[in-house]
Structures are given as C-alpha cells and as structure tokens.
PDB file of N, CA and C in Angstrom:
ATOM      1  N   MET A   1     -10.241  30.649  -8.271  1.00  0.00           N
ATOM      2  CA  MET A   1      -9.978  30.324  -6.884  1.00  0.00           C
ATOM      3  C   MET A   1      -8.520  30.625  -6.578  1.00  0.00           C
ATOM      4  N   THR A   2      -8.266  31.216  -5.449  1.00  0.00           N
ATOM      5  CA  THR A   2      -6.921  31.501  -4.991  1.00  0.00           C
ATOM      6  C   THR A   2      -6.379  30.268  -4.289  1.00  0.00           C
ATOM      7  N   THR A   3      -5.190  29.837  -4.660  1.00  0.00           N
ATOM      8  CA  THR A   3      -4.582  28.711  -3.965  1.00  0.00           C
ATOM      9  C   THR A   3      -3.143  29.041  -3.617  1.00  0.00           C
ATOM     10  N   PHE A   4      -2.685  28.511  -2.513  1.00  0.00           N
ATOM     11  CA  PHE A   4      -1.335  28.741  -2.029  1.00  0.00           C
ATOM     12  C   PHE A   4      -0.668  27.404  -1.790  1.00  0.00           C
ATOM     13  N   ALA A   5       0.649  27.377  -1.923  1.00  0.00           N
ATOM     14  CA  ALA A   5       1.400  26.172  -1.594  1.00  0.00           C
ATOM     15  C   ALA A   5       1.286  25.926  -0.095  1.00  0.00           C
ATOM     16  N   ARG A   6       1.086  24.695   0.281  1.00  0.00           N
ATOM     17  CA  ARG A   6       0.866  24.350   1.687  1.00  0.00           C
ATOM     18  C   ARG A   6       2.045  24.694   2.577  1.00  0.00           C
ATOM     19  N   SER A   7       3.248  24.644   2.048  1.00  0.00           N
ATOM     20  CA  SER A   7       4.409  24.860   2.888  1.00  0.00           C
ATOM     21  C   SER A   7       4.856  26.321   2.907  1.00  0.00           C
ATOM     22  N   ASP A   8       4.227  27.169   2.140  1.00  0.00           N
ATOM     23  CA  ASP A   8       4.652  28.562   2.045  1.00  0.00           C
ATOM     24  C   ASP A   8       3.817  29.480   2.917  1.00  0.00           C
ATOM     25  N   LYS A   9       4.471  30.532   3.343  1.00  0.00           N
ATOM     26  CA  LYS A   9       3.769  31.636   3.979  1.00  0.00           C
ATOM     27  C   LYS A   9       2.921  32.284   2.880  1.00  0.00           C
ATOM     28  N   MET A  10       1.733  32.710   3.214  1.00  0.00           N
ATOM     29  CA  MET A  10       0.872  33.356   2.222  1.00  0.00           C
ATOM     30  C   MET A  10       1.259  34.831   2.143  1.00  0.00           C
ATOM     31  N   ARG A  11       2.033  35.173   1.140  1.00  0.00           N
ATOM     32  CA  ARG A  11       2.482  36.548   0.936  1.00  0.00           C
ATOM     33  C   ARG A  11       1.454  37.242   0.039  1.00  0.00           C
ATOM     34  N   LEU A  12       0.539  37.919   0.665  1.00  0.00           N
ATOM     35  CA  LEU A  12      -0.616  38.449  -0.063  1.00  0.00           C
ATOM     36  C   LEU A  12      -0.253  39.515  -1.088  1.00  0.00           C
ATOM     37  N   ALA A  13       0.710  40.396  -0.783  1.00  0.00           N
ATOM     38  CA  ALA A  13       1.079  41.449  -1.730  1.00  0.00           C
ATOM     39  C   ALA A  13       1.696  40.868  -2.994  1.00  0.00           C
ATOM     40  N   GLU A  14       2.489  39.811  -2.853  1.00  0.00           N
ATOM     41  CA  GLU A  14       3.117  39.202  -4.028  1.00  0.00           C
ATOM     42  C   GLU A  14       2.083  38.621  -4.980  1.00  0.00           C
ATOM     43  N   LYS A  15       1.041  38.061  -4.435  1.00  0.00           N
ATOM     44  CA  LYS A  15       0.035  37.399  -5.267  1.00  0.00           C
ATOM     45  C   LYS A  15      -1.074  38.344  -5.730  1.00  0.00           C
ATOM     46  N   HIS A  16      -1.431  39.328  -4.861  1.00  0.00           N
ATOM     47  CA  HIS A  16      -2.629  40.134  -5.140  1.00  0.00           C
ATOM     48  C   HIS A  16      -2.388  41.631  -5.232  1.00  0.00           C
ATOM     49  N   GLY A  17      -1.171  42.096  -4.966  1.00  0.00           N
ATOM     50  CA  GLY A  17      -0.875  43.519  -5.079  1.00  0.00           C
ATOM     51  C   GLY A  17      -0.896  44.245  -3.742  1.00  0.00           C
ATOM     52  N   GLU A  18      -0.624  45.535  -3.814  1.00  0.00           N
ATOM     53  CA  GLU A  18      -0.478  46.360  -2.615  1.00  0.00           C
ATOM     54  C   GLU A  18      -1.797  46.781  -1.987  1.00  0.00           C
ATOM     55  N   VAL A  19      -2.870  46.758  -2.758  1.00  0.00           N
ATOM     56  CA  VAL A  19      -4.187  47.132  -2.244  1.00  0.00           C
ATOM     57  C   VAL A  19      -5.100  45.924  -2.380  1.00  0.00           C
ATOM     58  N   LEU A  20      -5.589  45.440  -1.241  1.00  0.00           N
ATOM     59  CA  LEU A  20      -6.451  44.264  -1.225  1.00  0.00           C
ATOM     60  C   LEU A  20      -7.879  44.731  -0.973  1.00  0.00           C
ATOM     61  N   GLY A  21      -8.732  44.511  -1.941  1.00  0.00           N
ATOM     62  CA  GLY A  21     -10.086  45.000  -1.820  1.00  0.00           C
ATOM     63  C   GLY A  21     -11.111  43.997  -2.279  1.00  0.00           C
ATOM     64  N   GLY A  22     -12.261  44.107  -1.701  1.00  0.00           N
ATOM     65  CA  GLY A  22     -13.396  43.316  -2.131  1.00  0.00           C
ATOM     66  C   GLY A  22     -13.646  42.086  -1.285  1.00  0.00           C
ATOM     67  N   ARG A  23     -14.909  41.849  -1.074  1.00  0.00           N
ATOM     68  CA  ARG A  23     -15.330  40.698  -0.294  1.00  0.00           C
ATOM     69  C   ARG A  23     -14.994  39.383  -1.001  1.00  0.00           C
ATOM     70  N   VAL A  24     -15.084  39.368  -2.340  1.00  0.00           N
ATOM     71  CA  VAL A  24     -14.840  38.131  -3.084  1.00  0.00           C
ATOM     72  C   VAL A  24     -13.399  37.657  -2.881  1.00  0.00           C
ATOM     73  N   LEU A  25     -12.426  38.550  -3.025  1.00  0.00           N
ATOM     74  CA  LEU A  25     -11.033  38.170  -2.812  1.00  0.00           C
ATOM     75  C   LEU A  25     -10.820  37.736  -1.361  1.00  0.00           C
ATOM     76  N   GLY A  26     -11.361  38.485  -0.421  1.00  0.00           N
ATOM     77  CA  GLY A  26     -11.226  38.113   0.984  1.00  0.00           C
ATOM     78  C   GLY A  26     -11.831  36.758   1.280  1.00  0.00           C
ATOM     79  N   GLU A  27     -12.980  36.486   0.687  1.00  0.00           N
ATOM     80  CA  GLU A  27     -13.645  35.201   0.888  1.00  0.00           C
ATOM     81  C   GLU A  27     -12.817  34.053   0.312  1.00  0.00           C
ATOM     82  N   GLU A  28     -12.246  34.254  -0.875  1.00  0.00           N
ATOM     83  CA  GLU A  28     -11.415  33.215  -1.489  1.00  0.00           C
ATOM     84  C   GLU A  28     -10.206  32.887  -0.609  1.00  0.00           C
ATOM     85  N   ILE A  29      -9.546  33.912  -0.120  1.00  0.00           N
ATOM     86  CA  ILE A  29      -8.376  33.701   0.738  1.00  0.00           C
ATOM     87  C   ILE A  29      -8.799  33.039   2.042  1.00  0.00           C
ATOM     88  N   ARG A  30      -9.894  33.506   2.629  1.00  0.00           N
ATOM     89  CA  ARG A  30     -10.392  32.917   3.883  1.00  0.00           C
ATOM     90  C   ARG A  30     -10.706  31.443   3.699  1.00  0.00           C
ATOM     91  N   GLU A  31     -11.366  31.085   2.617  1.00  0.00           N
ATOM     92  CA  GLU A  31     -11.706  29.680   2.360  1.00  0.00           C
ATOM     93  C   GLU A  31     -10.452  28.827   2.179  1.00  0.00           C
ATOM     94  N   ASP A  32      -9.426  29.382   1.511  1.00  0.00           N
ATOM     95  CA  ASP A  32      -8.167  28.654   1.367  1.00  0.00           C
ATOM     96  C   ASP A  32      -7.509  28.417   2.721  1.00  0.00           C
ATOM     97  N   VAL A  33      -7.504  29.438   3.563  1.00  0.00           N
ATOM     98  CA  VAL A  33      -6.901  29.303   4.891  1.00  0.00           C
ATOM     99  C   VAL A  33      -7.635  28.238   5.699  1.00  0.00           C
ATOM    100  N   VAL A  34      -8.949  28.270   5.694  1.00  0.00           N
ATOM    101  CA  VAL A  34      -9.741  27.285   6.433  1.00  0.00           C
ATOM    102  C   VAL A  34      -9.450  25.882   5.914  1.00  0.00           C
ATOM    103  N   ARG A  35      -9.376  25.728   4.613  1.00  0.00           N
ATOM    104  CA  ARG A  35      -9.096  24.420   4.009  1.00  0.00           C
ATOM    105  C   ARG A  35      -7.717  23.905   4.451  1.00  0.00           C
ATOM    106  N   LEU A  36      -6.716  24.764   4.438  1.00  0.00           N
ATOM    107  CA  LEU A  36      -5.370  24.367   4.853  1.00  0.00           C
ATOM    108  C   LEU A  36      -5.326  23.994   6.331  1.00  0.00           C
ATOM    109  N   ILE A  37      -6.000  24.753   7.154  1.00  0.00           N
ATOM    110  CA  ILE A  37      -6.017  24.457   8.587  1.00  0.00           C
ATOM    111  C   ILE A  37      -6.714  23.126   8.846  1.00  0.00           C
ATOM    112  N   LYS A  38      -7.799  22.870   8.137  1.00  0.00           N
ATOM    113  CA  LYS A  38      -8.486  21.583   8.288  1.00  0.00           C
ATOM    114  C   LYS A  38      -7.615  20.421   7.843  1.00  0.00           C
ATOM    115  N   ALA A  39      -6.658  20.697   6.939  1.00  0.00           N
ATOM    116  CA  ALA A  39      -5.720  19.675   6.487  1.00  0.00           C
ATOM    117  C   ALA A  39      -4.522  19.544   7.428  1.00  0.00           C
ATOM    118  N   GLY A  40      -4.539  20.320   8.515  1.00  0.00           N
ATOM    119  CA  GLY A  40      -3.480  20.221   9.509  1.00  0.00           C
ATOM    120  C   GLY A  40      -2.318  21.166   9.312  1.00  0.00           C
ATOM    121  N   GLU A  41      -2.445  22.096   8.390  1.00  0.00           N
ATOM    122  CA  GLU A  41      -1.358  23.030   8.119  1.00  0.00           C
ATOM    123  C   GLU A  41      -1.367  24.191   9.109  1.00  0.00           C
ATOM    124  N   VAL A  42      -0.190  24.749   9.336  1.00  0.00           N
ATOM    125  CA  VAL A  42      -0.044  25.993  10.078  1.00  0.00           C
ATOM    126  C   VAL A  42      -0.077  27.106   9.040  1.00  0.00           C
ATOM    127  N   VAL A  43      -0.887  28.120   9.264  1.00  0.00           N
ATOM    128  CA  VAL A  43      -1.069  29.162   8.259  1.00  0.00           C
ATOM    129  C   VAL A  43      -0.562  30.499   8.789  1.00  0.00           C
ATOM    130  N   VAL A  44       0.272  31.144   7.978  1.00  0.00           N
ATOM    131  CA  VAL A  44       0.783  32.476   8.283  1.00  0.00           C
ATOM    132  C   VAL A  44       0.401  33.386   7.124  1.00  0.00           C
ATOM    133  N   LEU A  45      -0.370  34.422   7.417  1.00  0.00           N
ATOM    134  CA  LEU A  45      -0.723  35.418   6.406  1.00  0.00           C
ATOM    135  C   LEU A  45       0.244  36.584   6.548  1.00  0.00           C
ATOM    136  N   ASP A  46       1.047  36.810   5.515  1.00  0.00           N
ATOM    137  CA  ASP A  46       2.053  37.862   5.517  1.00  0.00           C
ATOM    138  C   ASP A  46       1.501  39.058   4.750  1.00  0.00           C
ATOM    139  N   LEU A  47       1.307  40.170   5.443  1.00  0.00           N
ATOM    140  CA  LEU A  47       0.786  41.374   4.813  1.00  0.00           C
ATOM    141  C   LEU A  47       1.885  42.381   4.498  1.00  0.00           C
ATOM    142  N   GLY A  48       3.131  41.932   4.516  1.00  0.00           N
ATOM    143  CA  GLY A  48       4.234  42.800   4.124  1.00  0.00           C
ATOM    144  C   GLY A  48       4.031  43.299   2.709  1.00  0.00           C
ATOM    145  N   GLY A  49       4.173  44.598   2.504  1.00  0.00           N
ATOM    146  CA  GLY A  49       3.990  45.184   1.183  1.00  0.00           C
ATOM    147  C   GLY A  49       2.563  45.593   0.879  1.00  0.00           C
ATOM    148  N   VAL A  50       1.617  45.174   1.707  1.00  0.00           N
ATOM    149  CA  VAL A  50       0.221  45.583   1.519  1.00  0.00           C
ATOM    150  C   VAL A  50       0.071  46.988   2.099  1.00  0.00           C
ATOM    151  N   GLN A  51      -0.402  47.904   1.281  1.00  0.00           N
ATOM    152  CA  GLN A  51      -0.550  49.298   1.711  1.00  0.00           C
ATOM    153  C   GLN A  51      -1.933  49.603   2.266  1.00  0.00           C
ATOM    154  N   ALA A  52      -2.945  48.899   1.780  1.00  0.00           N
ATOM    155  CA  ALA A  52      -4.317  49.168   2.214  1.00  0.00           C
ATOM    156  C   ALA A  52      -5.195  47.953   1.965  1.00  0.00           C
ATOM    157  N   VAL A  53      -6.252  47.846   2.778  1.00  0.00           N
ATOM    158  CA  VAL A  53      -7.282  46.825   2.591  1.00  0.00           C
ATOM    159  C   VAL A  53      -8.640  47.499   2.700  1.00  0.00           C
ATOM    160  N   SER A  54      -9.593  46.990   1.942  1.00  0.00           N
ATOM    161  CA  SER A  54     -10.937  47.545   2.025  1.00  0.00           C
ATOM    162  C   SER A  54     -11.643  47.001   3.265  1.00  0.00           C
ATOM    163  N   PRO A  55     -12.659  47.698   3.752  1.00  0.00           N
ATOM    164  CA  PRO A  55     -13.413  47.189   4.897  1.00  0.00           C
ATOM    165  C   PRO A  55     -14.031  45.813   4.643  1.00  0.00           C
ATOM    166  N   SER A  56     -14.521  45.558   3.434  1.00  0.00           N
ATOM    167  CA  SER A  56     -15.135  44.252   3.159  1.00  0.00           C
ATOM    168  C   SER A  56     -14.082  43.142   3.137  1.00  0.00           C
ATOM    169  N   PHE A  57     -12.902  43.426   2.600  1.00  0.00           N
ATOM    170  CA  PHE A  57     -11.816  42.454   2.633  1.00  0.00           C
ATOM    171  C   PHE A  57     -11.415  42.187   4.085  1.00  0.00           C
ATOM    172  N   ALA A  58     -11.270  43.249   4.864  1.00  0.00           N
ATOM    173  CA  ALA A  58     -10.890  43.110   6.271  1.00  0.00           C
ATOM    174  C   ALA A  58     -11.908  42.302   7.048  1.00  0.00           C
ATOM    175  N   ASP A  59     -13.183  42.460   6.740  1.00  0.00           N
ATOM    176  CA  ASP A  59     -14.218  41.693   7.430  1.00  0.00           C
ATOM    177  C   ASP A  59     -14.032  40.201   7.181  1.00  0.00           C
ATOM    178  N   GLU A  60     -13.726  39.824   5.952  1.00  0.00           N
ATOM    179  CA  GLU A  60     -13.516  38.409   5.626  1.00  0.00           C
ATOM    180  C   GLU A  60     -12.284  37.843   6.330  1.00  0.00           C
ATOM    181  N   ILE A  61     -11.186  38.598   6.316  1.00  0.00           N
ATOM    182  CA  ILE A  61      -9.909  38.100   6.815  1.00  0.00           C
ATOM    183  C   ILE A  61      -9.748  38.298   8.318  1.00  0.00           C
ATOM    184  N   PHE A  62     -10.087  39.462   8.822  1.00  0.00           N
ATOM    185  CA  PHE A  62      -9.867  39.761  10.236  1.00  0.00           C
ATOM    186  C   PHE A  62     -11.119  39.590  11.089  1.00  0.00           C
ATOM    187  N   GLY A  63     -12.287  39.614  10.450  1.00  0.00           N
ATOM    188  CA  GLY A  63     -13.541  39.449  11.181  1.00  0.00           C
ATOM    189  C   GLY A  63     -14.012  38.005  11.203  1.00  0.00           C
ATOM    190  N   LYS A  64     -14.255  37.441  10.031  1.00  0.00           N
ATOM    191  CA  LYS A  64     -14.800  36.079   9.930  1.00  0.00           C
ATOM    192  C   LYS A  64     -13.774  34.984  10.206  1.00  0.00           C
ATOM    193  N   LEU A  65     -12.564  35.135   9.646  1.00  0.00           N
ATOM    194  CA  LEU A  65     -11.566  34.069   9.741  1.00  0.00           C
ATOM    195  C   LEU A  65     -11.251  33.675  11.183  1.00  0.00           C
ATOM    196  N   PRO A  66     -10.960  34.605  12.078  1.00  0.00           N
ATOM    197  CA  PRO A  66     -10.691  34.202  13.463  1.00  0.00           C
ATOM    198  C   PRO A  66     -11.886  33.517  14.133  1.00  0.00           C
ATOM    199  N   GLN A  67     -13.093  33.881  13.745  1.00  0.00           N
ATOM    200  CA  GLN A  67     -14.273  33.211  14.296  1.00  0.00           C
ATOM    201  C   GLN A  67     -14.315  31.754  13.855  1.00  0.00           C
ATOM    202  N   GLU A  68     -13.812  31.467  12.657  1.00  0.00           N
ATOM    203  CA  GLU A  68     -13.836  30.104  12.121  1.00  0.00           C
ATOM    204  C   GLU A  68     -12.691  29.243  12.625  1.00  0.00           C
ATOM    205  N   VAL A  69     -11.501  29.826  12.753  1.00  0.00           N
ATOM    206  CA  VAL A  69     -10.317  29.014  13.058  1.00  0.00           C
ATOM    207  C   VAL A  69      -9.609  29.411  14.347  1.00  0.00           C
ATOM    208  N   GLY A  70     -10.106  30.413  15.025  1.00  0.00           N
ATOM    209  CA  GLY A  70      -9.476  30.832  16.271  1.00  0.00           C
ATOM    210  C   GLY A  70      -8.061  31.327  16.055  1.00  0.00           C
ATOM    211  N   GLU A  71      -7.166  30.875  16.894  1.00  0.00           N
ATOM    212  CA  GLU A  71      -5.786  31.339  16.851  1.00  0.00           C
ATOM    213  C   GLU A  71      -4.902  30.465  15.971  1.00  0.00           C
ATOM    214  N   ARG A  72      -5.490  29.657  15.121  1.00  0.00           N
ATOM    215  CA  ARG A  72      -4.691  28.768  14.266  1.00  0.00           C
ATOM    216  C   ARG A  72      -4.188  29.449  13.001  1.00  0.00           C
ATOM    217  N   VAL A  73      -4.368  30.739  12.909  1.00  0.00           N
ATOM    218  CA  VAL A  73      -3.799  31.517  11.816  1.00  0.00           C
ATOM    219  C   VAL A  73      -3.010  32.663  12.438  1.00  0.00           C
ATOM    220  N   GLU A  74      -1.850  32.944  11.862  1.00  0.00           N
ATOM    221  CA  GLU A  74      -0.991  34.016  12.356  1.00  0.00           C
ATOM    222  C   GLU A  74      -0.906  35.102  11.294  1.00  0.00           C
ATOM    223  N   PHE A  75      -0.982  36.349  11.723  1.00  0.00           N
ATOM    224  CA  PHE A  75      -0.841  37.498  10.834  1.00  0.00           C
ATOM    225  C   PHE A  75       0.509  38.142  11.118  1.00  0.00           C
ATOM    226  N   VAL A  76       1.300  38.385  10.072  1.00  0.00           N
ATOM    227  CA  VAL A  76       2.596  39.030  10.251  1.00  0.00           C
ATOM    228  C   VAL A  76       2.710  40.216   9.302  1.00  0.00           C
ATOM    229  N   ASN A  77       3.593  41.151   9.686  1.00  0.00           N
ATOM    230  CA  ASN A  77       3.871  42.348   8.885  1.00  0.00           C
ATOM    231  C   ASN A  77       2.608  43.166   8.616  1.00  0.00           C
ATOM    232  N   VAL A  78       1.829  43.367   9.652  1.00  0.00           N
ATOM    233  CA  VAL A  78       0.598  44.145   9.547  1.00  0.00           C
ATOM    234  C   VAL A  78       0.915  45.587   9.936  1.00  0.00           C
ATOM    235  N   SER A  79       0.726  46.509   9.008  1.00  0.00           N
ATOM    236  CA  SER A  79       0.999  47.921   9.284  1.00  0.00           C
ATOM    237  C   SER A  79      -0.025  48.479  10.275  1.00  0.00           C
ATOM    238  N   GLN A  80       0.291  49.628  10.836  1.00  0.00           N
ATOM    239  CA  GLN A  80      -0.636  50.274  11.767  1.00  0.00           C
ATOM    240  C   GLN A  80      -1.961  50.612  11.095  1.00  0.00           C
ATOM    241  N   GLN A  81      -1.908  51.050   9.850  1.00  0.00           N
ATOM    242  CA  GLN A  81      -3.134  51.409   9.131  1.00  0.00           C
ATOM    243  C   GLN A  81      -4.012  50.178   8.921  1.00  0.00           C
ATOM    244  N   ILE A  82      -3.396  49.073   8.506  1.00  0.00           N
ATOM    245  CA  ILE A  82      -4.178  47.854   8.289  1.00  0.00           C
ATOM    246  C   ILE A  82      -4.673  47.311   9.618  1.00  0.00           C
ATOM    247  N   GLN A  83      -3.869  47.420  10.667  1.00  0.00           N
ATOM    248  CA  GLN A  83      -4.300  46.965  11.990  1.00  0.00           C
ATOM    249  C   GLN A  83      -5.537  47.736  12.442  1.00  0.00           C
ATOM    250  N   ALA A  84      -5.592  49.021  12.141  1.00  0.00           N
ATOM    251  CA  ALA A  84      -6.756  49.827  12.512  1.00  0.00           C
ATOM    252  C   ALA A  84      -8.020  49.325  11.807  1.00  0.00           C
ATOM    253  N   VAL A  85      -7.906  49.009  10.516  1.00  0.00           N
ATOM    254  CA  VAL A  85      -9.058  48.483   9.768  1.00  0.00           C
ATOM    255  C   VAL A  85      -9.430  47.098  10.305  1.00  0.00           C
ATOM    256  N   ALA A  86      -8.419  46.282  10.626  1.00  0.00           N
ATOM    257  CA  ALA A  86      -8.663  44.946  11.188  1.00  0.00           C
ATOM    258  C   ALA A  86      -9.399  45.053  12.521  1.00  0.00           C
ATOM    259  N   ASN A  87      -8.982  45.992  13.352  1.00  0.00           N
ATOM    260  CA  ASN A  87      -9.640  46.182  14.655  1.00  0.00           C
ATOM    261  C   ASN A  87     -11.101  46.573  14.477  1.00  0.00           C
ATOM    262  N   MET A  88     -11.380  47.413  13.488  1.00  0.00           N
ATOM    263  CA  MET A  88     -12.772  47.803  13.223  1.00  0.00           C
ATOM    264  C   MET A  88     -13.594  46.609  12.760  1.00  0.00           C
ATOM    265  N   ALA A  89     -13.007  45.764  11.924  1.00  0.00           N
ATOM    266  CA  ALA A  89     -13.713  44.571  11.438  1.00  0.00           C
ATOM    267  C   ALA A  89     -14.030  43.642  12.604  1.00  0.00           C
ATOM    268  N   ARG A  90     -13.066  43.420  13.472  1.00  0.00           N
ATOM    269  CA  ARG A  90     -13.279  42.553  14.641  1.00  0.00           C
ATOM    270  C   ARG A  90     -14.321  43.155  15.579  1.00  0.00           C
ATOM    271  N   ALA A  91     -14.230  44.450  15.816  1.00  0.00           N
ATOM    272  CA  ALA A  91     -15.182  45.112  16.708  1.00  0.00           C
ATOM    273  C   ALA A  91     -16.595  45.064  16.147  1.00  0.00           C
ATOM    274  N   GLY A  92     -16.713  45.205  14.836  1.00  0.00           N
ATOM    275  CA  GLY A  92     -18.032  45.145  14.203  1.00  0.00           C
ATOM    276  C   GLY A  92     -18.682  43.788  14.385  1.00  0.00           C
ATOM    277  N   ARG A  93     -17.907  42.736  14.266  1.00  0.00           N
ATOM    278  CA  ARG A  93     -18.441  41.380  14.455  1.00  0.00           C
ATOM    279  C   ARG A  93     -18.729  41.120  15.920  1.00  0.00           C
ATOM    280  N   ALA A  94     -17.871  41.559  16.798  1.00  0.00           N
ATOM    281  CA  ALA A  94     -18.077  41.344  18.239  1.00  0.00           C
ATOM    282  C   ALA A  94     -19.261  42.156  18.741  1.00  0.00           C
ATOM    283  N   GLY A  95     -19.447  43.332  18.156  1.00  0.00           N
ATOM    284  CA  GLY A  95     -20.498  44.217  18.621  1.00  0.00           C
ATOM    285  C   GLY A  95     -21.900  43.787  18.283  1.00  0.00           C
ATOM    286  N   ASN A  96     -22.073  43.131  17.117  1.00  0.00           N
ATOM    287  CA  ASN A  96     -23.430  42.768  16.739  1.00  0.00           C
ATOM    288  C   ASN A  96     -23.718  41.283  16.854  1.00  0.00           C
ATOM    289  N   GLY A  97     -22.670  40.483  17.007  1.00  0.00           N
ATOM    290  CA  GLY A  97     -22.875  39.042  17.178  1.00  0.00           C
ATOM    291  C   GLY A  97     -23.489  38.365  15.960  1.00  0.00           C
ATOM    292  N   GLN A  98     -23.451  39.036  14.808  1.00  0.00           N
ATOM    293  CA  GLN A  98     -24.052  38.480  13.604  1.00  0.00           C
ATOM    294  C   GLN A  98     -23.042  38.459  12.485  1.00  0.00           C
ATOM    295  N   ASP A  99     -23.402  37.789  11.420  1.00  0.00           N
ATOM    296  CA  ASP A  99     -22.608  37.782  10.216  1.00  0.00           C
ATOM    297  C   ASP A  99     -22.893  39.096   9.490  1.00  0.00           C
ATOM    298  N   ALA A 100     -21.864  39.921   9.338  1.00  0.00           N
ATOM    299  CA  ALA A 100     -22.038  41.232   8.715  1.00  0.00           C
ATOM    300  C   ALA A 100     -22.062  41.158   7.191  1.00  0.00           C
ATOM    301  N   GLY A 101     -21.782  40.010   6.626  1.00  0.00           N
ATOM    302  CA  GLY A 101     -21.655  39.997   5.178  1.00  0.00           C
ATOM    303  C   GLY A 101     -22.490  38.986   4.570  1.00  0.00           C
TER     304      GLY A 101
END
C-alpha cells in the first residue's frame, strides 16, 4: 500500500519514478488521497518530474478521483503531455457515464 505523510505534498516522482503506469498504482494513490480527504486533509498531488503516465493510471487519478472527491484535490506541476492524457481520461468518463475500469 502506498502511504504519504499527511502534512506533505504528494511528490509522485520522488516516490514512484518518472513514469507512472498501471491501474494498481493509480488505484493505491487514489485510495490514499480519498482516505486523507475523508480525514480532513488538504491534498496536493505534485507531478513535477513525472515524464509520462499510462492511460490506466490517468483514469484512476484524473478520471475517477475527481468524481469521488470533487475539487478537494489539487494537481500541480502537470506537464502539457500529462495534461493531454488527463483530459482524455476525464473525457472518457464524462462521455460514457460509466466506470471504465
């Protein structure tokens, strides 16, 4: 299980590397974020240093997570390339109205 200190920004590249892939990793991070938000924490996901994300990872983080917590999570240092994948994940969920995973 991935866990982060409650008071720290979640620096994903430092913990998981420059390429974030796989639904399992995305799900673990998403569940941690939801747990922290339910505990009253403010959550910031820092993607500085992340060079790429897989579509399945993006679906968990950019597709499912906002549906669960709304605007209570902030994304920072998102590159244009990752933003493009994030937009596709969000559009895929908005377009079909179903759980894609």
